[in-house]
Amino acid sequence: MRLRPLTLGVVVMLATAVPGLAQDVQTATGTGAVLRVLDKINGEVMDLDLDNGTGQAAWRMQVELGECRYPVGNPAGDAFSFVTLRHEGDPEPLFRGWMIASAPALNALDHPRYDVWVIR
């Protein structure tokens, strides 16, 4: 019967150690990113190739890229970028946060007309 508490202890220890291993992914900072903007009303798509710290207008919205990072082993598929989106002439951002290329719906822009996501 002494084996059961020991087994439980090992399981608990492993369960708490696994999230720490997942956070140990080495990342590199990219020089820029490609973002895709969709105008849902017109059905038009625009790809923006932005350098870190720059912005560009996409129809009536300003798209700004703060920083791009990626895992060293998978630079294209798992890139994530810090993005700020504003309506033309409005200082208040519609969206400000990290967008992930491999999971665009995880932290998405909620807008009736535009959709923006990171390509790479």
N, C-alpha and C. Protein backbone atom coordinates (compact mmCIF):
# COMPACT_ATOMS: atom_id res chain seq x y z
N MET A 1 0.81 -1.21 0.00
CA MET A 1 0.00 0.00 0.00
C MET A 1 0.85 1.28 0.00
N ARG A 2 2.11 1.17 0.30
CA ARG A 2 2.97 2.35 0.30
C ARG A 2 3.23 2.84 -1.12
N LEU A 3 3.03 1.98 -2.07
CA LEU A 3 3.28 2.33 -3.46
C LEU A 3 2.26 3.35 -3.98
N ARG A 4 1.04 3.26 -3.51
CA ARG A 4 -0.02 4.15 -3.98
C ARG A 4 0.28 5.62 -3.66
N PRO A 5 0.63 6.01 -2.42
CA PRO A 5 0.96 7.42 -2.17
C PRO A 5 2.19 7.88 -2.96
N LEU A 6 3.16 6.99 -3.13
CA LEU A 6 4.34 7.34 -3.89
C LEU A 6 3.98 7.60 -5.36
N THR A 7 3.14 6.76 -5.93
CA THR A 7 2.70 6.92 -7.31
C THR A 7 1.93 8.23 -7.47
N LEU A 8 1.06 8.51 -6.53
CA LEU A 8 0.30 9.76 -6.57
C LEU A 8 1.23 10.96 -6.51
N GLY A 9 2.24 10.90 -5.67
CA GLY A 9 3.21 11.99 -5.56
C GLY A 9 3.97 12.22 -6.86
N VAL A 10 4.37 11.13 -7.51
CA VAL A 10 5.09 11.24 -8.78
C VAL A 10 4.19 11.84 -9.86
N VAL A 11 2.94 11.41 -9.91
CA VAL A 11 2.00 11.94 -10.90
C VAL A 11 1.78 13.43 -10.70
N VAL A 12 1.61 13.86 -9.46
CA VAL A 12 1.40 15.29 -9.17
C VAL A 12 2.65 16.08 -9.55
N MET A 13 3.82 15.56 -9.23
CA MET A 13 5.06 16.25 -9.55
C MET A 13 5.23 16.39 -11.07
N LEU A 14 4.95 15.35 -11.83
CA LEU A 14 5.07 15.42 -13.28
C LEU A 14 4.04 16.36 -13.89
N ALA A 15 2.83 16.35 -13.35
CA ALA A 15 1.78 17.22 -13.88
C ALA A 15 2.11 18.69 -13.69
N THR A 16 2.78 19.02 -12.61
CA THR A 16 3.15 20.42 -12.39
C THR A 16 4.41 20.81 -13.14
N ALA A 17 5.22 19.85 -13.54
CA ALA A 17 6.46 20.15 -14.26
C ALA A 17 6.25 20.32 -15.76
N VAL A 18 5.26 19.68 -16.34
CA VAL A 18 5.03 19.71 -17.78
C VAL A 18 4.75 21.13 -18.31
N PRO A 19 3.91 21.96 -17.65
CA PRO A 19 3.72 23.32 -18.18
C PRO A 19 5.01 24.12 -18.21
N GLY A 20 5.90 23.89 -17.27
CA GLY A 20 7.19 24.58 -17.28
C GLY A 20 8.03 24.19 -18.48
N LEU A 21 7.96 22.94 -18.88
CA LEU A 21 8.69 22.51 -20.07
C LEU A 21 8.13 23.14 -21.33
N ALA A 22 6.83 23.30 -21.39
CA ALA A 22 6.19 23.90 -22.56
C ALA A 22 6.57 25.37 -22.72
N GLN A 23 6.88 26.04 -21.62
CA GLN A 23 7.23 27.46 -21.68
C GLN A 23 8.70 27.68 -22.01
N ASP A 24 9.47 26.63 -22.16
CA ASP A 24 10.89 26.73 -22.41
C ASP A 24 11.25 26.82 -23.88
N VAL A 25 10.33 27.17 -24.74
CA VAL A 25 10.59 27.27 -26.17
C VAL A 25 11.44 28.51 -26.42
N GLN A 26 12.53 28.34 -27.13
CA GLN A 26 13.40 29.47 -27.45
C GLN A 26 12.82 30.24 -28.62
N THR A 27 12.72 31.55 -28.46
CA THR A 27 12.19 32.39 -29.53
C THR A 27 13.26 33.35 -30.02
N ALA A 28 13.09 33.79 -31.24
CA ALA A 28 13.95 34.80 -31.84
C ALA A 28 13.06 35.96 -32.27
N THR A 29 13.64 37.14 -32.30
CA THR A 29 12.89 38.32 -32.73
C THR A 29 13.10 38.50 -34.23
N GLY A 30 12.00 38.57 -34.95
CA GLY A 30 12.06 38.78 -36.39
C GLY A 30 12.18 40.25 -36.72
N THR A 31 12.48 40.54 -37.96
CA THR A 31 12.60 41.94 -38.40
C THR A 31 11.27 42.50 -38.86
N GLY A 32 10.29 41.64 -39.08
CA GLY A 32 8.98 42.08 -39.54
C GLY A 32 8.04 40.91 -39.69
N ALA A 33 6.86 41.18 -40.23
CA ALA A 33 5.85 40.14 -40.39
C ALA A 33 4.96 40.47 -41.58
N VAL A 34 4.25 39.45 -42.04
CA VAL A 34 3.25 39.62 -43.09
C VAL A 34 1.89 39.41 -42.44
N LEU A 35 1.03 40.42 -42.56
CA LEU A 35 -0.33 40.34 -42.02
C LEU A 35 -1.31 40.40 -43.18
N ARG A 36 -2.39 39.68 -43.05
CA ARG A 36 -3.43 39.68 -44.08
C ARG A 36 -4.65 40.40 -43.51
N VAL A 37 -5.20 41.32 -44.31
CA VAL A 37 -6.38 42.08 -43.92
C VAL A 37 -7.50 41.73 -44.90
N LEU A 38 -8.65 41.40 -44.36
CA LEU A 38 -9.83 41.06 -45.16
C LEU A 38 -10.90 42.11 -44.94
N ASP A 39 -11.41 42.67 -46.03
CA ASP A 39 -12.60 43.53 -45.98
C ASP A 39 -13.78 42.60 -46.22
N LYS A 40 -14.54 42.31 -45.17
CA LYS A 40 -15.62 41.33 -45.25
C LYS A 40 -16.78 41.80 -46.12
N ILE A 41 -16.96 43.09 -46.28
CA ILE A 41 -18.07 43.61 -47.08
C ILE A 41 -17.76 43.51 -48.57
N ASN A 42 -16.56 43.93 -48.97
CA ASN A 42 -16.18 43.90 -50.38
C ASN A 42 -15.54 42.58 -50.80
N GLY A 43 -15.14 41.77 -49.83
CA GLY A 43 -14.48 40.51 -50.15
C GLY A 43 -13.06 40.68 -50.65
N GLU A 44 -12.45 41.82 -50.38
CA GLU A 44 -11.09 42.09 -50.83
C GLU A 44 -10.09 41.69 -49.75
N VAL A 45 -8.93 41.23 -50.20
CA VAL A 45 -7.85 40.82 -49.30
C VAL A 45 -6.61 41.63 -49.62
N MET A 46 -5.89 42.06 -48.58
CA MET A 46 -4.66 42.81 -48.75
C MET A 46 -3.60 42.21 -47.83
N ASP A 47 -2.41 41.91 -48.37
CA ASP A 47 -1.29 41.44 -47.55
C ASP A 47 -0.37 42.62 -47.28
N LEU A 48 -0.02 42.81 -46.01
CA LEU A 48 0.87 43.89 -45.60
C LEU A 48 2.18 43.29 -45.13
N ASP A 49 3.28 43.70 -45.74
CA ASP A 49 4.61 43.27 -45.34
C ASP A 49 5.21 44.41 -44.52
N LEU A 50 5.18 44.26 -43.19
CA LEU A 50 5.58 45.34 -42.29
C LEU A 50 6.86 45.01 -41.55
N ASP A 51 7.70 46.02 -41.36
CA ASP A 51 8.87 45.90 -40.49
C ASP A 51 8.44 46.23 -39.07
N ASN A 52 9.19 45.73 -38.08
CA ASN A 52 8.89 46.05 -36.69
C ASN A 52 8.89 47.57 -36.49
N GLY A 53 7.90 48.06 -35.77
CA GLY A 53 7.81 49.48 -35.47
C GLY A 53 7.21 50.33 -36.57
N THR A 54 6.67 49.72 -37.61
CA THR A 54 6.08 50.48 -38.71
C THR A 54 4.59 50.19 -38.82
N GLY A 55 3.93 50.98 -39.64
CA GLY A 55 2.51 50.80 -39.88
C GLY A 55 2.16 51.10 -41.32
N GLN A 56 0.95 50.71 -41.69
CA GLN A 56 0.48 50.94 -43.05
C GLN A 56 -1.04 51.00 -43.02
N ALA A 57 -1.60 51.81 -43.91
CA ALA A 57 -3.05 51.89 -44.02
C ALA A 57 -3.58 50.73 -44.86
N ALA A 58 -4.67 50.17 -44.39
CA ALA A 58 -5.40 49.14 -45.14
C ALA A 58 -6.84 49.63 -45.19
N TRP A 59 -7.23 50.17 -46.32
CA TRP A 59 -8.52 50.82 -46.50
C TRP A 59 -8.68 51.92 -45.46
N ARG A 60 -9.63 51.82 -44.55
CA ARG A 60 -9.86 52.88 -43.56
C ARG A 60 -9.33 52.50 -42.18
N MET A 61 -8.35 51.61 -42.16
CA MET A 61 -7.79 51.16 -40.90
C MET A 61 -6.26 51.26 -40.95
N GLN A 62 -5.67 51.66 -39.83
CA GLN A 62 -4.21 51.72 -39.72
C GLN A 62 -3.73 50.47 -38.99
N VAL A 63 -2.80 49.75 -39.60
CA VAL A 63 -2.24 48.52 -39.03
C VAL A 63 -0.80 48.82 -38.64
N GLU A 64 -0.46 48.61 -37.36
CA GLU A 64 0.88 48.87 -36.86
C GLU A 64 1.46 47.59 -36.27
N LEU A 65 2.70 47.28 -36.63
CA LEU A 65 3.39 46.11 -36.11
C LEU A 65 4.41 46.58 -35.08
N GLY A 66 4.22 46.13 -33.84
CA GLY A 66 5.17 46.48 -32.78
C GLY A 66 6.39 45.59 -32.81
N GLU A 67 6.16 44.28 -32.80
CA GLU A 67 7.26 43.32 -32.75
C GLU A 67 6.78 41.98 -33.29
N CYS A 68 7.70 41.23 -33.84
CA CYS A 68 7.41 39.88 -34.32
C CYS A 68 8.40 38.92 -33.68
N ARG A 69 7.89 37.80 -33.19
CA ARG A 69 8.75 36.76 -32.61
C ARG A 69 8.34 35.42 -33.21
N TYR A 70 9.26 34.47 -33.15
CA TYR A 70 8.96 33.14 -33.67
C TYR A 70 9.82 32.11 -32.95
N PRO A 71 9.31 30.87 -32.82
CA PRO A 71 10.14 29.81 -32.25
C PRO A 71 11.31 29.52 -33.20
N VAL A 72 12.47 29.29 -32.64
CA VAL A 72 13.66 29.07 -33.46
C VAL A 72 13.47 27.91 -34.43
N GLY A 73 12.75 26.86 -34.03
CA GLY A 73 12.57 25.70 -34.89
C GLY A 73 11.50 25.82 -35.94
N ASN A 74 10.60 26.81 -35.84
CA ASN A 74 9.49 26.92 -36.79
C ASN A 74 9.19 28.40 -37.05
N PRO A 75 10.01 29.09 -37.83
CA PRO A 75 9.82 30.52 -38.01
C PRO A 75 8.56 30.92 -38.77
N ALA A 76 8.07 30.09 -39.66
CA ALA A 76 6.91 30.48 -40.46
C ALA A 76 5.59 30.11 -39.80
N GLY A 77 5.48 28.93 -39.27
CA GLY A 77 4.19 28.43 -38.80
C GLY A 77 3.73 28.96 -37.47
N ASP A 78 4.65 29.24 -36.56
CA ASP A 78 4.25 29.63 -35.21
C ASP A 78 4.65 31.05 -34.86
N ALA A 79 4.76 31.92 -35.83
CA ALA A 79 5.12 33.31 -35.56
C ALA A 79 4.01 34.00 -34.78
N PHE A 80 4.41 34.94 -33.93
CA PHE A 80 3.41 35.75 -33.24
C PHE A 80 3.88 37.19 -33.23
N SER A 81 2.92 38.10 -33.40
CA SER A 81 3.24 39.51 -33.59
C SER A 81 2.38 40.38 -32.69
N PHE A 82 2.99 41.47 -32.19
CA PHE A 82 2.25 42.44 -31.40
C PHE A 82 1.71 43.49 -32.36
N VAL A 83 0.40 43.59 -32.45
CA VAL A 83 -0.26 44.40 -33.47
C VAL A 83 -1.18 45.42 -32.81
N THR A 84 -1.21 46.63 -33.37
CA THR A 84 -2.17 47.66 -32.96
C THR A 84 -2.97 48.05 -34.19
N LEU A 85 -4.30 48.05 -34.06
CA LEU A 85 -5.20 48.39 -35.16
C LEU A 85 -6.07 49.57 -34.75
N ARG A 86 -6.16 50.58 -35.64
CA ARG A 86 -6.96 51.78 -35.37
C ARG A 86 -7.78 52.13 -36.60
N HIS A 87 -8.95 52.72 -36.35
CA HIS A 87 -9.70 53.33 -37.45
C HIS A 87 -8.95 54.57 -37.90
N GLU A 88 -9.05 54.87 -39.17
CA GLU A 88 -8.39 56.05 -39.73
C GLU A 88 -8.78 57.30 -38.94
N GLY A 89 -7.79 58.01 -38.39
CA GLY A 89 -8.03 59.25 -37.67
C GLY A 89 -8.45 59.08 -36.22
N ASP A 90 -8.58 57.87 -35.72
CA ASP A 90 -9.01 57.63 -34.34
C ASP A 90 -7.80 57.20 -33.50
N PRO A 91 -7.46 57.96 -32.45
CA PRO A 91 -6.29 57.58 -31.65
C PRO A 91 -6.52 56.34 -30.77
N GLU A 92 -7.77 56.03 -30.47
CA GLU A 92 -8.09 54.87 -29.63
C GLU A 92 -8.00 53.58 -30.45
N PRO A 93 -7.19 52.60 -30.01
CA PRO A 93 -7.05 51.37 -30.80
C PRO A 93 -8.30 50.49 -30.76
N LEU A 94 -8.59 49.87 -31.90
CA LEU A 94 -9.63 48.84 -31.97
C LEU A 94 -9.12 47.54 -31.36
N PHE A 95 -7.83 47.31 -31.55
CA PHE A 95 -7.19 46.09 -31.07
C PHE A 95 -5.75 46.42 -30.75
N ARG A 96 -5.27 45.85 -29.66
CA ARG A 96 -3.86 45.99 -29.29
C ARG A 96 -3.47 44.73 -28.54
N GLY A 97 -2.63 43.90 -29.16
CA GLY A 97 -2.22 42.67 -28.51
C GLY A 97 -1.46 41.75 -29.44
N TRP A 98 -1.18 40.55 -28.94
CA TRP A 98 -0.43 39.55 -29.69
C TRP A 98 -1.37 38.73 -30.55
N MET A 99 -1.00 38.54 -31.81
CA MET A 99 -1.71 37.64 -32.72
C MET A 99 -0.77 36.51 -33.08
N ILE A 100 -1.30 35.29 -33.15
CA ILE A 100 -0.50 34.10 -33.38
C ILE A 100 -0.85 33.52 -34.75
N ALA A 101 0.17 33.28 -35.58
CA ALA A 101 -0.06 32.79 -36.94
C ALA A 101 -0.74 31.42 -36.96
N SER A 102 -0.35 30.53 -36.06
CA SER A 102 -0.90 29.17 -36.08
C SER A 102 -2.26 29.07 -35.41
N ALA A 103 -2.70 30.12 -34.71
CA ALA A 103 -4.01 30.12 -34.05
C ALA A 103 -4.64 31.51 -34.15
N PRO A 104 -5.07 31.91 -35.35
CA PRO A 104 -5.57 33.28 -35.54
C PRO A 104 -6.81 33.62 -34.72
N ALA A 105 -7.62 32.64 -34.37
CA ALA A 105 -8.84 32.92 -33.61
C ALA A 105 -8.58 33.04 -32.12
N LEU A 106 -7.38 32.72 -31.66
CA LEU A 106 -7.08 32.75 -30.24
C LEU A 106 -7.17 34.16 -29.67
N ASN A 107 -6.67 35.15 -30.38
CA ASN A 107 -6.72 36.54 -29.95
C ASN A 107 -6.99 37.38 -31.19
N ALA A 108 -8.24 37.44 -31.58
CA ALA A 108 -8.61 38.03 -32.87
C ALA A 108 -9.25 39.41 -32.72
N LEU A 109 -9.20 40.16 -33.80
CA LEU A 109 -9.92 41.43 -33.89
C LEU A 109 -11.40 41.13 -34.03
N ASP A 110 -12.22 41.78 -33.21
CA ASP A 110 -13.67 41.63 -33.29
C ASP A 110 -14.23 42.88 -33.95
N HIS A 111 -14.40 42.83 -35.26
CA HIS A 111 -14.84 44.00 -36.02
C HIS A 111 -15.86 43.56 -37.06
N PRO A 112 -16.92 44.34 -37.29
CA PRO A 112 -17.94 43.93 -38.25
C PRO A 112 -17.47 43.95 -39.71
N ARG A 113 -16.46 44.75 -40.02
CA ARG A 113 -16.05 44.86 -41.42
C ARG A 113 -14.70 44.21 -41.72
N TYR A 114 -13.73 44.36 -40.83
CA TYR A 114 -12.37 43.91 -41.12
C TYR A 114 -11.97 42.70 -40.28
N ASP A 115 -11.11 41.89 -40.87
CA ASP A 115 -10.49 40.78 -40.17
C ASP A 115 -9.00 40.86 -40.48
N VAL A 116 -8.17 40.68 -39.45
CA VAL A 116 -6.72 40.77 -39.60
C VAL A 116 -6.09 39.56 -38.94
N TRP A 117 -5.10 38.96 -39.60
CA TRP A 117 -4.37 37.87 -38.96
C TRP A 117 -2.94 37.83 -39.48
N VAL A 118 -2.07 37.18 -38.71
CA VAL A 118 -0.65 37.06 -39.04
C VAL A 118 -0.46 35.87 -39.98
N ILE A 119 0.28 36.09 -41.06
CA ILE A 119 0.62 35.01 -42.00
C ILE A 119 1.97 34.41 -41.62
N ARG A 120 2.97 35.27 -41.49
CA ARG A 120 4.32 34.83 -41.06
C ARG A 120 5.11 36.02 -40.54
